Amino acid sequence: MKSSRSASLCFWLRGSLLSMLMTAVLLPLSAQAQTAKTDWPTRPVTWVNPFAAGSAVDVVARIISQKVAANTGQGMNVDNKTGASGNIGTDFAARARPDGYTLLLGSPGTMAINPFLFSKLPYDAIKDFTSVTQLVSFPQVVVASPKQSFKTIPELIAAAKAQPGQLAHASSGPGSTSHLVMELIKADAGIRLIHVGYRGGAPAMQAVIGGDVQTGVEGLPSLVGLIKSGSIVPLAVTSLKRSAQLPQVPAMSEFIPGFDATAWIVLMAPAGTPAPIVSRIAAEVKKALDDPGVRQQLEAQGAIVVGSTPAETAAFHFSEMAKFKRAVEISGAKAD
């Protein structure tokens, strides 16, 4: 039953990818030529954020949208529509008119994890959306308390193998990005750690600092202050390369070749949004991201600036869905 479900999911992903890439890559040349002439925007645009104000998604969106607004002369309003693990806001964006005036701020939870975590969703992460651009990625950080004997990833792996199933890792909750990134690390490193989920990243990190659990994973933006104060020890960042924010901290790929599991923000439009408008939005966002002031603000938040094309974003989204599908299956996490 499980293998049949997995095979059907793989089939669905492949079929959806083909449809997605046909839309994103095979744009008619005339449509691409018309991009510069597209009359967008002529009125304010809503960027739907399925998560709370003040979150990393929210901070990044406001920095970028303000620059796009300044460049285009039209309002760019970030609208926080929260609830149900991001599903409420995401469903709202999926059902919006496909005219380029309602956009979704997508992240791993809503666009790559929830499709496999929930038995039913009110939206389809691929069929209901058109990829526009990836805004940024955020390295996650594997951390430990200064009280722990291990200070490096090899030492953590050695400790876990010496005490299989006795060490624990904290996350911001079952099925969260921080939980599933560690599940991928555990699987690829061949170690067993007990998962302890908390109600958010802050209490999870306090548990690590206090020694209630031995290690954990959390997004870089939330950890900069704790790392600088010495309250917590960074063992590795989970991006493919080291972070400019923490150049002295190795990347997980230095221990597990090819490992790359980050949080990210992608801009999506409702399915059916005309290709010239999608291309125009991507171009305006890229222009904003190329601004030195905007880049500096984002990097100060621990973000890696991207600014990809619609086709690149579609391919990235597909690969991330496959990655987190594996992580959800490994973890056994479920939500209803």
C-alpha atoms as a PDB file:
ATOM      1  CA  MET A   1       0.000   0.000   0.000  1.00  0.00           C
ATOM      2  CA  LYS A   2       2.825   2.355   0.986  1.00  0.00           C
ATOM      3  CA  SER A   3       4.861   1.571  -2.145  1.00  0.00           C
ATOM      4  CA  SER A   4       1.769   2.041  -4.321  1.00  0.00           C
ATOM      5  CA  ARG A   5       1.107   5.435  -2.743  1.00  0.00           C
ATOM      6  CA  SER A   6       4.757   6.420  -3.155  1.00  0.00           C
ATOM      7  CA  ALA A   7       4.741   5.361  -6.806  1.00  0.00           C
ATOM      8  CA  SER A   8       1.566   7.332  -7.474  1.00  0.00           C
ATOM      9  CA  LEU A   9       3.075  10.372  -5.832  1.00  0.00           C
ATOM     10  CA  CYS A  10       6.189  10.050  -7.993  1.00  0.00           C
ATOM     11  CA  PHE A  11       3.982   9.721 -11.086  1.00  0.00           C
ATOM     12  CA  TRP A  12       2.020  12.790 -10.031  1.00  0.00           C
ATOM     13  CA  LEU A  13       5.202  14.779  -9.469  1.00  0.00           C
ATOM     14  CA  ARG A  14       6.652  13.814 -12.852  1.00  0.00           C
ATOM     15  CA  GLY A  15       3.442  14.626 -14.676  1.00  0.00           C
ATOM     16  CA  SER A  16       3.048  17.905 -12.832  1.00  0.00           C
ATOM     17  CA  LEU A  17       6.660  18.822 -13.536  1.00  0.00           C
ATOM     18  CA  LEU A  18       6.142  18.298 -17.263  1.00  0.00           C
ATOM     19  CA  SER A  19       3.066  20.539 -17.217  1.00  0.00           C
ATOM     20  CA  MET A  20       4.848  23.112 -15.084  1.00  0.00           C
ATOM     21  CA  LEU A  21       7.929  23.244 -17.286  1.00  0.00           C
ATOM     22  CA  MET A  22       5.848  23.405 -20.462  1.00  0.00           C
ATOM     23  CA  THR A  23       4.230  26.531 -19.035  1.00  0.00           C
ATOM     24  CA  ALA A  24       7.405  28.105 -17.687  1.00  0.00           C
ATOM     25  CA  VAL A  25       9.932  27.168 -20.361  1.00  0.00           C
ATOM     26  CA  LEU A  26       8.011  27.035 -23.626  1.00  0.00           C
ATOM     27  CA  LEU A  27       6.702  30.569 -23.561  1.00  0.00           C
ATOM     28  CA  PRO A  28       5.844  31.769 -27.058  1.00  0.00           C
ATOM     29  CA  LEU A  29       8.523  34.069 -28.398  1.00  0.00           C
ATOM     30  CA  SER A  30       5.891  36.714 -29.059  1.00  0.00           C
ATOM     31  CA  ALA A  31       4.876  36.612 -25.376  1.00  0.00           C
ATOM     32  CA  GLN A  32       8.487  37.055 -24.288  1.00  0.00           C
ATOM     33  CA  ALA A  33       8.892  39.934 -26.715  1.00  0.00           C
ATOM     34  CA  GLN A  34       5.814  41.593 -25.266  1.00  0.00           C
ATOM     35  CA  THR A  35       7.047  41.332 -21.667  1.00  0.00           C
ATOM     36  CA  ALA A  36       8.613  44.772 -21.645  1.00  0.00           C
ATOM     37  CA  LYS A  37       5.334  46.230 -22.962  1.00  0.00           C
ATOM     38  CA  THR A  38       3.080  44.500 -20.450  1.00  0.00           C
ATOM     39  CA  ASP A  39       0.979  47.068 -18.669  1.00  0.00           C
ATOM     40  CA  TRP A  40       1.638  45.806 -15.150  1.00  0.00           C
ATOM     41  CA  PRO A  41       1.069  47.055 -12.545  1.00  0.00           C
ATOM     42  CA  THR A  42      -1.646  49.682 -13.026  1.00  0.00           C
ATOM     43  CA  ARG A  43      -2.983  49.313  -9.466  1.00  0.00           C
ATOM     44  CA  PRO A  44      -1.808  47.971  -6.080  1.00  0.00           C
ATOM     45  CA  VAL A  45      -0.645  44.349  -5.862  1.00  0.00           C
ATOM     46  CA  THR A  46      -1.254  42.019  -2.915  1.00  0.00           C
ATOM     47  CA  TRP A  47       1.517  39.676  -1.765  1.00  0.00           C
ATOM     48  CA  VAL A  48      -0.183  37.010   0.364  1.00  0.00           C
ATOM     49  CA  ASN A  49       1.909  35.792   3.297  1.00  0.00           C
ATOM     50  CA  PRO A  50       0.363  32.678   4.913  1.00  0.00           C
ATOM     51  CA  PHE A  51       2.365  33.309   8.086  1.00  0.00           C
ATOM     52  CA  ALA A  52       2.460  35.913  10.825  1.00  0.00           C
ATOM     53  CA  ALA A  53       3.843  39.422  10.649  1.00  0.00           C
ATOM     54  CA  GLY A  54       7.435  39.571  11.838  1.00  0.00           C
ATOM     55  CA  SER A  55       8.342  36.131  10.514  1.00  0.00           C
ATOM     56  CA  ALA A  56      11.340  35.709   8.207  1.00  0.00           C
ATOM     57  CA  VAL A  57       8.983  35.446   5.220  1.00  0.00           C
ATOM     58  CA  ASP A  58       7.276  38.659   6.276  1.00  0.00           C
ATOM     59  CA  VAL A  59      10.491  40.643   6.809  1.00  0.00           C
ATOM     60  CA  VAL A  60      11.963  39.583   3.458  1.00  0.00           C
ATOM     61  CA  ALA A  61       8.719  40.233   1.576  1.00  0.00           C
ATOM     62  CA  ARG A  62       8.402  43.756   2.946  1.00  0.00           C
ATOM     63  CA  ILE A  63      11.986  44.667   2.055  1.00  0.00           C
ATOM     64  CA  ILE A  64      11.575  43.480  -1.544  1.00  0.00           C
ATOM     65  CA  SER A  65       8.007  44.640  -2.107  1.00  0.00           C
ATOM     66  CA  GLN A  66       8.825  48.168  -0.958  1.00  0.00           C
ATOM     67  CA  LYS A  67      11.547  48.409  -3.600  1.00  0.00           C
ATOM     68  CA  VAL A  68       9.262  47.002  -6.301  1.00  0.00           C
ATOM     69  CA  ALA A  69       6.657  49.575  -5.285  1.00  0.00           C
ATOM     70  CA  ALA A  70       9.198  52.380  -5.539  1.00  0.00           C
ATOM     71  CA  ASN A  71      10.335  51.173  -8.964  1.00  0.00           C
ATOM     72  CA  THR A  72       6.852  50.691 -10.423  1.00  0.00           C
ATOM     73  CA  GLY A  73       4.984  53.506  -8.721  1.00  0.00           C
ATOM     74  CA  GLN A  74       2.258  51.149  -7.490  1.00  0.00           C
ATOM     75  CA  GLY A  75       1.547  49.838  -4.004  1.00  0.00           C
ATOM     76  CA  MET A  76       2.806  46.383  -3.056  1.00  0.00           C
ATOM     77  CA  ASN A  77       0.866  45.263   0.000  1.00  0.00           C
ATOM     78  CA  VAL A  78       1.920  42.273   2.115  1.00  0.00           C
ATOM     79  CA  ASP A  79      -1.276  40.684   3.464  1.00  0.00           C
ATOM     80  CA  ASN A  80      -0.879  38.204   6.324  1.00  0.00           C
ATOM     81  CA  LYS A  81      -3.544  35.511   6.029  1.00  0.00           C
ATOM     82  CA  THR A  82      -2.542  33.012   8.678  1.00  0.00           C
ATOM     83  CA  GLY A  83      -3.845  29.712  10.002  1.00  0.00           C
ATOM     84  CA  ALA A  84      -3.842  25.949   9.439  1.00  0.00           C
ATOM     85  CA  SER A  85      -0.065  25.698   8.950  1.00  0.00           C
ATOM     86  CA  GLY A  86      -0.199  28.248   6.143  1.00  0.00           C
ATOM     87  CA  ASN A  87      -2.950  26.455   4.248  1.00  0.00           C
ATOM     88  CA  ILE A  88      -5.555  29.215   4.629  1.00  0.00           C
ATOM     89  CA  GLY A  89      -3.495  31.946   2.997  1.00  0.00           C
ATOM     90  CA  THR A  90      -2.169  29.614   0.335  1.00  0.00           C
ATOM     91  CA  ASP A  91      -5.662  28.483  -0.622  1.00  0.00           C
ATOM     92  CA  PHE A  92      -6.791  32.124  -0.761  1.00  0.00           C
ATOM     93  CA  ALA A  93      -4.011  32.929  -3.238  1.00  0.00           C
ATOM     94  CA  ALA A  94      -4.775  29.819  -5.305  1.00  0.00           C
ATOM     95  CA  ARG A  95      -8.366  30.996  -5.806  1.00  0.00           C
ATOM     96  CA  ALA A  96      -7.490  34.599  -6.660  1.00  0.00           C
ATOM     97  CA  ARG A  97      -8.015  36.055 -10.120  1.00  0.00           C
ATOM     98  CA  PRO A  98      -4.985  35.125 -12.289  1.00  0.00           C
ATOM     99  CA  ASP A  99      -4.157  38.646 -13.367  1.00  0.00           C
ATOM    100  CA  GLY A 100      -0.893  39.376 -11.559  1.00  0.00           C
ATOM    101  CA  TYR A 101      -2.469  41.388  -8.746  1.00  0.00           C
ATOM    102  CA  THR A 102      -2.512  38.635  -6.124  1.00  0.00           C
ATOM    103  CA  LEU A 103       0.749  36.769  -5.514  1.00  0.00           C
ATOM    104  CA  LEU A 104       1.730  34.098  -2.998  1.00  0.00           C
ATOM    105  CA  LEU A 105       4.827  34.039  -0.820  1.00  0.00           C
ATOM    106  CA  GLY A 106       5.523  30.316  -0.866  1.00  0.00           C
ATOM    107  CA  SER A 107       7.902  28.495   1.464  1.00  0.00           C
ATOM    108  CA  PRO A 108       8.827  24.848   2.152  1.00  0.00           C
ATOM    109  CA  GLY A 109       5.965  24.321   4.590  1.00  0.00           C
ATOM    110  CA  THR A 110       3.139  25.258   2.242  1.00  0.00           C
ATOM    111  CA  MET A 111       4.674  24.394  -1.125  1.00  0.00           C
ATOM    112  CA  ALA A 112       6.826  21.308  -0.479  1.00  0.00           C
ATOM    113  CA  ILE A 113       5.950  19.757   2.906  1.00  0.00           C
ATOM    114  CA  ASN A 114       2.201  20.140   3.438  1.00  0.00           C
ATOM    115  CA  PRO A 115       1.355  18.313   0.174  1.00  0.00           C
ATOM    116  CA  PHE A 116       2.820  15.163   1.749  1.00  0.00           C
ATOM    117  CA  LEU A 117       2.134  15.907   5.408  1.00  0.00           C
ATOM    118  CA  PHE A 118      -1.634  16.400   5.094  1.00  0.00           C
ATOM    119  CA  SER A 119      -3.974  13.703   3.773  1.00  0.00           C
ATOM    120  CA  LYS A 120      -6.114  16.449   2.218  1.00  0.00           C
ATOM    121  CA  LEU A 121      -5.303  20.004   1.172  1.00  0.00           C
ATOM    122  CA  PRO A 122      -7.630  22.692  -0.199  1.00  0.00           C
ATOM    123  CA  TYR A 123      -5.039  23.550  -2.879  1.00  0.00           C
ATOM    124  CA  ASP A 124      -2.632  21.756  -5.221  1.00  0.00           C
ATOM    125  CA  ALA A 125       0.912  23.077  -4.807  1.00  0.00           C
ATOM    126  CA  ILE A 126       1.684  22.651  -8.508  1.00  0.00           C
ATOM    127  CA  LYS A 127      -1.554  22.697 -10.476  1.00  0.00           C
ATOM    128  CA  ASP A 128      -2.976  25.762  -8.726  1.00  0.00           C
ATOM    129  CA  PHE A 129       0.124  27.952  -9.117  1.00  0.00           C
ATOM    130  CA  THR A 130       2.548  29.346 -11.665  1.00  0.00           C
ATOM    131  CA  SER A 131       6.161  29.804 -10.556  1.00  0.00           C
ATOM    132  CA  VAL A 132       7.407  33.387 -10.816  1.00  0.00           C
ATOM    133  CA  THR A 133      10.761  33.701  -9.047  1.00  0.00           C
ATOM    134  CA  GLN A 134      12.707  32.492  -6.031  1.00  0.00           C
ATOM    135  CA  LEU A 135      13.384  35.458  -3.784  1.00  0.00           C
ATOM    136  CA  VAL A 136      15.895  34.068  -1.276  1.00  0.00           C
ATOM    137  CA  SER A 137      17.028  30.977   0.552  1.00  0.00           C
ATOM    138  CA  PHE A 138      17.818  30.678   4.253  1.00  0.00           C
ATOM    139  CA  PRO A 139      20.443  28.240   5.529  1.00  0.00           C
ATOM    140  CA  GLN A 140      19.349  26.258   8.529  1.00  0.00           C
ATOM    141  CA  VAL A 141      21.941  25.746  11.249  1.00  0.00           C
ATOM    142  CA  VAL A 142      22.683  22.575  13.210  1.00  0.00           C
ATOM    143  CA  VAL A 143      23.432  23.722  16.751  1.00  0.00           C
ATOM    144  CA  ALA A 144      24.359  22.432  20.191  1.00  0.00           C
ATOM    145  CA  SER A 145      24.642  23.800  23.694  1.00  0.00           C
ATOM    146  CA  PRO A 146      28.120  24.827  24.912  1.00  0.00           C
ATOM    147  CA  LYS A 147      27.508  22.239  27.649  1.00  0.00           C
ATOM    148  CA  GLN A 148      27.736  19.376  25.146  1.00  0.00           C
ATOM    149  CA  SER A 149      30.990  17.518  24.600  1.00  0.00           C
ATOM    150  CA  PHE A 150      30.633  17.566  20.800  1.00  0.00           C
ATOM    151  CA  LYS A 151      31.513  20.805  18.978  1.00  0.00           C
ATOM    152  CA  THR A 152      31.596  19.538  15.380  1.00  0.00           C
ATOM    153  CA  ILE A 153      29.427  17.430  13.076  1.00  0.00           C
ATOM    154  CA  PRO A 154      31.870  14.468  13.089  1.00  0.00           C
ATOM    155  CA  GLU A 155      31.819  14.542  16.899  1.00  0.00           C
ATOM    156  CA  LEU A 156      28.001  14.685  16.918  1.00  0.00           C
ATOM    157  CA  ILE A 157      27.814  11.727  14.535  1.00  0.00           C
ATOM    158  CA  ALA A 158      30.314   9.770  16.653  1.00  0.00           C
ATOM    159  CA  ALA A 159      28.345  10.515  19.837  1.00  0.00           C
ATOM    160  CA  ALA A 160      25.073   9.477  18.205  1.00  0.00           C
ATOM    161  CA  LYS A 161      26.563   6.205  16.956  1.00  0.00           C
ATOM    162  CA  ALA A 162      28.043   5.484  20.383  1.00  0.00           C
ATOM    163  CA  GLN A 163      24.632   6.090  22.008  1.00  0.00           C
ATOM    164  CA  PRO A 164      22.063   5.079  19.374  1.00  0.00           C
ATOM    165  CA  GLY A 165      18.598   6.456  20.121  1.00  0.00           C
ATOM    166  CA  GLN A 166      19.706   8.181  23.327  1.00  0.00           C
ATOM    167  CA  LEU A 167      20.493  11.678  22.076  1.00  0.00           C
ATOM    168  CA  ALA A 168      17.691  14.029  21.076  1.00  0.00           C
ATOM    169  CA  HIS A 169      17.166  16.883  18.637  1.00  0.00           C
ATOM    170  CA  ALA A 170      14.747  19.784  18.964  1.00  0.00           C
ATOM    171  CA  SER A 171      12.597  21.312  16.247  1.00  0.00           C
ATOM    172  CA  SER A 172       9.910  23.962  15.950  1.00  0.00           C
ATOM    173  CA  GLY A 173       7.327  21.194  15.615  1.00  0.00           C
ATOM    174  CA  PRO A 174       6.563  17.906  13.854  1.00  0.00           C
ATOM    175  CA  GLY A 175       6.654  18.354  10.080  1.00  0.00           C
ATOM    176  CA  SER A 176       8.415  21.712  10.305  1.00  0.00           C
ATOM    177  CA  THR A 177      11.378  22.558   8.085  1.00  0.00           C
ATOM    178  CA  SER A 178      13.725  22.310  11.072  1.00  0.00           C
ATOM    179  CA  HIS A 179      12.378  18.837  11.879  1.00  0.00           C
ATOM    180  CA  LEU A 180      12.611  17.491   8.345  1.00  0.00           C
ATOM    181  CA  VAL A 181      16.055  18.916   7.604  1.00  0.00           C
ATOM    182  CA  MET A 182      17.396  16.990  10.588  1.00  0.00           C
ATOM    183  CA  GLU A 183      15.589  13.856   9.401  1.00  0.00           C
ATOM    184  CA  LEU A 184      17.525  14.122   6.126  1.00  0.00           C
ATOM    185  CA  ILE A 185      20.781  14.574   8.044  1.00  0.00           C
ATOM    186  CA  LYS A 186      20.043  11.551  10.245  1.00  0.00           C
ATOM    187  CA  ALA A 187      19.227   9.392   7.235  1.00  0.00           C
ATOM    188  CA  ASP A 188      22.279  10.434   5.230  1.00  0.00           C
ATOM    189  CA  ALA A 189      24.652  10.216   8.209  1.00  0.00           C
ATOM    190  CA  GLY A 190      23.239   6.877   9.365  1.00  0.00           C
ATOM    191  CA  ILE A 191      22.475   7.984  12.928  1.00  0.00           C
ATOM    192  CA  ARG A 192      19.500   7.750  15.299  1.00  0.00           C
ATOM    193  CA  LEU A 193      18.322  10.745  17.316  1.00  0.00           C
ATOM    194  CA  ILE A 194      15.054  11.179  19.199  1.00  0.00           C
ATOM    195  CA  HIS A 195      12.913  14.010  17.827  1.00  0.00           C
ATOM    196  CA  VAL A 196      11.398  16.436  20.317  1.00  0.00           C
ATOM    197  CA  GLY A 197       9.027  18.975  18.782  1.00  0.00           C
ATOM    198  CA  TYR A 198       8.282  22.322  20.407  1.00  0.00           C
ATOM    199  CA  ARG A 199       5.777  25.067  19.697  1.00  0.00           C
ATOM    200  CA  GLY A 200       8.119  27.223  17.677  1.00  0.00           C
ATOM    201  CA  GLY A 201      11.808  27.786  17.114  1.00  0.00           C
ATOM    202  CA  ALA A 202      12.409  29.939  20.207  1.00  0.00           C
ATOM    203  CA  PRO A 203      11.401  27.294  22.792  1.00  0.00           C
ATOM    204  CA  ALA A 204      13.235  24.633  20.777  1.00  0.00           C
ATOM    205  CA  MET A 205      16.465  26.617  20.929  1.00  0.00           C
ATOM    206  CA  GLN A 206      15.988  27.331  24.629  1.00  0.00           C
ATOM    207  CA  ALA A 207      15.732  23.571  25.165  1.00  0.00           C
ATOM    208  CA  VAL A 208      19.044  23.106  23.357  1.00  0.00           C
ATOM    209  CA  ILE A 209      20.715  25.915  25.318  1.00  0.00           C
ATOM    210  CA  GLY A 210      19.459  24.473  28.597  1.00  0.00           C
ATOM    211  CA  GLY A 211      20.639  20.974  27.745  1.00  0.00           C
ATOM    212  CA  ASP A 212      17.151  19.427  27.725  1.00  0.00           C
ATOM    213  CA  VAL A 213      18.036  18.117  24.253  1.00  0.00           C
ATOM    214  CA  GLN A 214      21.487  17.695  22.789  1.00  0.00           C
ATOM    215  CA  THR A 215      21.128  19.318  19.369  1.00  0.00           C
ATOM    216  CA  GLY A 216      18.674  20.929  16.991  1.00  0.00           C
ATOM    217  CA  VAL A 217      18.134  22.792  13.748  1.00  0.00           C
ATOM    218  CA  GLU A 218      16.804  26.312  13.268  1.00  0.00           C
ATOM    219  CA  GLY A 219      16.900  29.025  10.610  1.00  0.00           C
ATOM    220  CA  LEU A 220      19.946  31.277  10.559  1.00  0.00           C
ATOM    221  CA  PRO A 221      17.997  34.564  10.990  1.00  0.00           C
ATOM    222  CA  SER A 222      16.758  33.388  14.402  1.00  0.00           C
ATOM    223  CA  LEU A 223      20.200  32.364  15.631  1.00  0.00           C
ATOM    224  CA  VAL A 224      22.597  35.206  14.838  1.00  0.00           C
ATOM    225  CA  GLY A 225      22.243  36.831  18.286  1.00  0.00           C
ATOM    226  CA  LEU A 226      22.503  33.527  20.175  1.00  0.00           C
ATOM    227  CA  ILE A 227      25.601  32.529  18.219  1.00  0.00           C
ATOM    228  CA  LYS A 228      27.332  35.880  18.732  1.00  0.00           C
ATOM    229  CA  SER A 229      26.621  35.778  22.469  1.00  0.00           C
ATOM    230  CA  GLY A 230      28.029  32.260  22.754  1.00  0.00           C
ATOM    231  CA  SER A 231      24.740  30.904  24.074  1.00  0.00           C
ATOM    232  CA  ILE A 232      24.667  28.282  21.350  1.00  0.00           C
ATOM    233  CA  VAL A 233      27.335  26.521  19.267  1.00  0.00           C
ATOM    234  CA  PRO A 234      26.855  26.309  15.470  1.00  0.00           C
ATOM    235  CA  LEU A 235      28.019  22.969  14.077  1.00  0.00           C
ATOM    236  CA  ALA A 236      27.127  23.410  10.396  1.00  0.00           C
ATOM    237  CA  VAL A 237      24.898  25.305   7.996  1.00  0.00           C
ATOM    238  CA  THR A 238      22.647  23.180   5.821  1.00  0.00           C
ATOM    239  CA  SER A 239      23.163  25.098   2.565  1.00  0.00           C
ATOM    240  CA  LEU A 240      25.426  23.628  -0.119  1.00  0.00           C
ATOM    241  CA  LYS A 241      28.023  26.316   0.570  1.00  0.00           C
ATOM    242  CA  ARG A 242      29.063  28.216   3.670  1.00  0.00           C
ATOM    243  CA  SER A 243      27.052  31.268   4.652  1.00  0.00           C
ATOM    244  CA  ALA A 244      28.552  34.746   4.335  1.00  0.00           C
ATOM    245  CA  GLN A 245      26.987  35.428   7.737  1.00  0.00           C
ATOM    246  CA  LEU A 246      28.907  32.555   9.354  1.00  0.00           C
ATOM    247  CA  PRO A 247      31.959  31.975   7.146  1.00  0.00           C
ATOM    248  CA  GLN A 248      33.762  30.087   9.899  1.00  0.00           C
ATOM    249  CA  VAL A 249      30.964  27.488  10.165  1.00  0.00           C
ATOM    250  CA  PRO A 250      31.275  24.550   7.742  1.00  0.00           C
ATOM    251  CA  ALA A 251      28.516  23.540   5.362  1.00  0.00           C
ATOM    252  CA  MET A 252      26.905  20.142   5.924  1.00  0.00           C
ATOM    253  CA  SER A 253      28.016  19.218   2.396  1.00  0.00           C
ATOM    254  CA  GLU A 254      31.587  19.127   3.718  1.00  0.00           C
ATOM    255  CA  PHE A 255      30.581  16.050   5.708  1.00  0.00           C
ATOM    256  CA  ILE A 256      27.724  14.666   3.580  1.00  0.00           C
ATOM    257  CA  PRO A 257      28.643  15.342  -0.075  1.00  0.00           C
ATOM    258  CA  GLY A 258      25.947  17.209  -1.975  1.00  0.00           C
ATOM    259  CA  PHE A 259      23.786  17.878   1.084  1.00  0.00           C
ATOM    260  CA  ASP A 260      21.639  20.963   0.562  1.00  0.00           C
ATOM    261  CA  ALA A 261      18.460  21.569   2.568  1.00  0.00           C
ATOM    262  CA  THR A 262      17.446  25.141   3.222  1.00  0.00           C
ATOM    263  CA  ALA A 263      14.358  27.196   3.860  1.00  0.00           C
ATOM    264  CA  TRP A 264      13.364  29.463   0.986  1.00  0.00           C
ATOM    265  CA  ILE A 265      10.797  31.916  -0.316  1.00  0.00           C
ATOM    266  CA  VAL A 266       9.354  31.682  -3.807  1.00  0.00           C
ATOM    267  CA  LEU A 267       6.891  34.068  -5.400  1.00  0.00           C
ATOM    268  CA  MET A 268       3.952  32.304  -7.027  1.00  0.00           C
ATOM    269  CA  ALA A 269       0.992  33.500  -9.086  1.00  0.00           C
ATOM    270  CA  PRO A 270      -2.370  31.754  -9.471  1.00  0.00           C
ATOM    271  CA  ALA A 271      -2.403  29.218 -12.314  1.00  0.00           C
ATOM    272  CA  GLY A 272      -3.501  30.797 -15.563  1.00  0.00           C
ATOM    273  CA  THR A 273      -1.717  34.105 -15.027  1.00  0.00           C
ATOM    274  CA  PRO A 274      -0.602  35.236 -18.509  1.00  0.00           C
ATOM    275  CA  ALA A 275       3.021  34.449 -19.302  1.00  0.00           C
ATOM    276  CA  PRO A 276       3.959  38.055 -20.180  1.00  0.00           C
ATOM    277  CA  ILE A 277       2.722  39.218 -16.769  1.00  0.00           C
ATOM    278  CA  VAL A 278       4.612  36.421 -14.990  1.00  0.00           C
ATOM    279  CA  SER A 279       7.793  37.394 -16.827  1.00  0.00           C
ATOM    280  CA  ARG A 280       7.249  41.075 -16.049  1.00  0.00           C
ATOM    281  CA  ILE A 281       6.787  40.381 -12.322  1.00  0.00           C
ATOM    282  CA  ALA A 282       9.936  38.240 -12.267  1.00  0.00           C
ATOM    283  CA  ALA A 283      11.885  41.001 -14.018  1.00  0.00           C
ATOM    284  CA  GLU A 284      10.683  43.668 -11.579  1.00  0.00           C
ATOM    285  CA  VAL A 285      11.566  41.512  -8.583  1.00  0.00           C
ATOM    286  CA  LYS A 286      14.999  40.765 -10.042  1.00  0.00           C
ATOM    287  CA  LYS A 287      15.549  44.499 -10.511  1.00  0.00           C
ATOM    288  CA  ALA A 288      14.697  45.051  -6.838  1.00  0.00           C
ATOM    289  CA  LEU A 289      16.963  42.205  -5.706  1.00  0.00           C
ATOM    290  CA  ASP A 290      19.860  43.627  -7.718  1.00  0.00           C
ATOM    291  CA  ASP A 291      19.648  46.886  -5.797  1.00  0.00           C
ATOM    292  CA  PRO A 292      22.697  47.080  -3.462  1.00  0.00           C
ATOM    293  CA  GLY A 293      20.629  48.506  -0.612  1.00  0.00           C
ATOM    294  CA  VAL A 294      18.029  45.749  -0.833  1.00  0.00           C
ATOM    295  CA  ARG A 295      20.697  43.062  -1.097  1.00  0.00           C
ATOM    296  CA  GLN A 296      22.465  44.456   1.971  1.00  0.00           C
ATOM    297  CA  GLN A 297      19.245  44.415   4.004  1.00  0.00           C
ATOM    298  CA  LEU A 298      18.451  40.849   2.992  1.00  0.00           C
ATOM    299  CA  GLU A 299      21.949  39.560   3.672  1.00  0.00           C
ATOM    300  CA  ALA A 300      21.806  41.208   7.097  1.00  0.00           C
ATOM    301  CA  GLN A 301      18.797  38.933   7.752  1.00  0.00           C
ATOM    302  CA  GLY A 302      20.905  35.882   6.892  1.00  0.00           C
ATOM    303  CA  ALA A 303      19.290  35.437   3.484  1.00  0.00           C
ATOM    304  CA  ILE A 304      20.982  34.310   0.285  1.00  0.00           C
ATOM    305  CA  VAL A 305      19.600  36.434  -2.562  1.00  0.00           C
ATOM    306  CA  VAL A 306      18.436  34.459  -5.634  1.00  0.00           C
ATOM    307  CA  GLY A 307      16.138  36.130  -8.207  1.00  0.00           C
ATOM    308  CA  SER A 308      15.576  33.212 -10.600  1.00  0.00           C
ATOM    309  CA  THR A 309      13.573  33.043 -13.832  1.00  0.00           C
ATOM    310  CA  PRO A 310      10.099  31.434 -13.925  1.00  0.00           C
ATOM    311  CA  ALA A 311      11.551  28.303 -15.560  1.00  0.00           C
ATOM    312  CA  GLU A 312      14.358  28.018 -13.029  1.00  0.00           C
ATOM    313  CA  THR A 313      11.885  28.525 -10.200  1.00  0.00           C
ATOM    314  CA  ALA A 314       9.568  25.807 -11.520  1.00  0.00           C
ATOM    315  CA  ALA A 315      12.435  23.309 -11.709  1.00  0.00           C
ATOM    316  CA  PHE A 316      13.642  24.302  -8.228  1.00  0.00           C
ATOM    317  CA  HIS A 317      10.152  23.887  -6.772  1.00  0.00           C
ATOM    318  CA  PHE A 318       9.832  20.404  -8.243  1.00  0.00           C
ATOM    319  CA  SER A 319      13.211  19.304  -6.853  1.00  0.00           C
ATOM    320  CA  GLU A 320      12.313  20.649  -3.410  1.00  0.00           C
ATOM    321  CA  MET A 321       9.012  18.779  -3.419  1.00  0.00           C
ATOM    322  CA  ALA A 322      10.867  15.549  -4.156  1.00  0.00           C
ATOM    323  CA  LYS A 323      13.383  16.279  -1.381  1.00  0.00           C
ATOM    324  CA  PHE A 324      10.788  17.034   1.279  1.00  0.00           C
ATOM    325  CA  LYS A 325       8.567  14.164   0.160  1.00  0.00           C
ATOM    326  CA  ARG A 326      11.467  11.892   1.090  1.00  0.00           C
ATOM    327  CA  ALA A 327      11.937  13.707   4.405  1.00  0.00           C
ATOM    328  CA  VAL A 328       8.255  13.386   5.344  1.00  0.00           C
ATOM    329  CA  GLU A 329       8.298   9.662   4.517  1.00  0.00           C
ATOM    330  CA  ILE A 330      11.469   9.140   6.583  1.00  0.00           C
ATOM    331  CA  SER A 331      10.005  11.019   9.560  1.00  0.00           C
ATOM    332  CA  GLY A 332       6.605   9.353   9.468  1.00  0.00           C
ATOM    333  CA  ALA A 333       5.046  12.728  10.308  1.00  0.00           C
ATOM    334  CA  LYS A 334       1.358  13.206   9.540  1.00  0.00           C
ATOM    335  CA  ALA A 335      -1.139  16.036   9.970  1.00  0.00           C
ATOM    336  CA  ASP A 336      -4.885  16.251   9.419  1.00  0.00           C
END
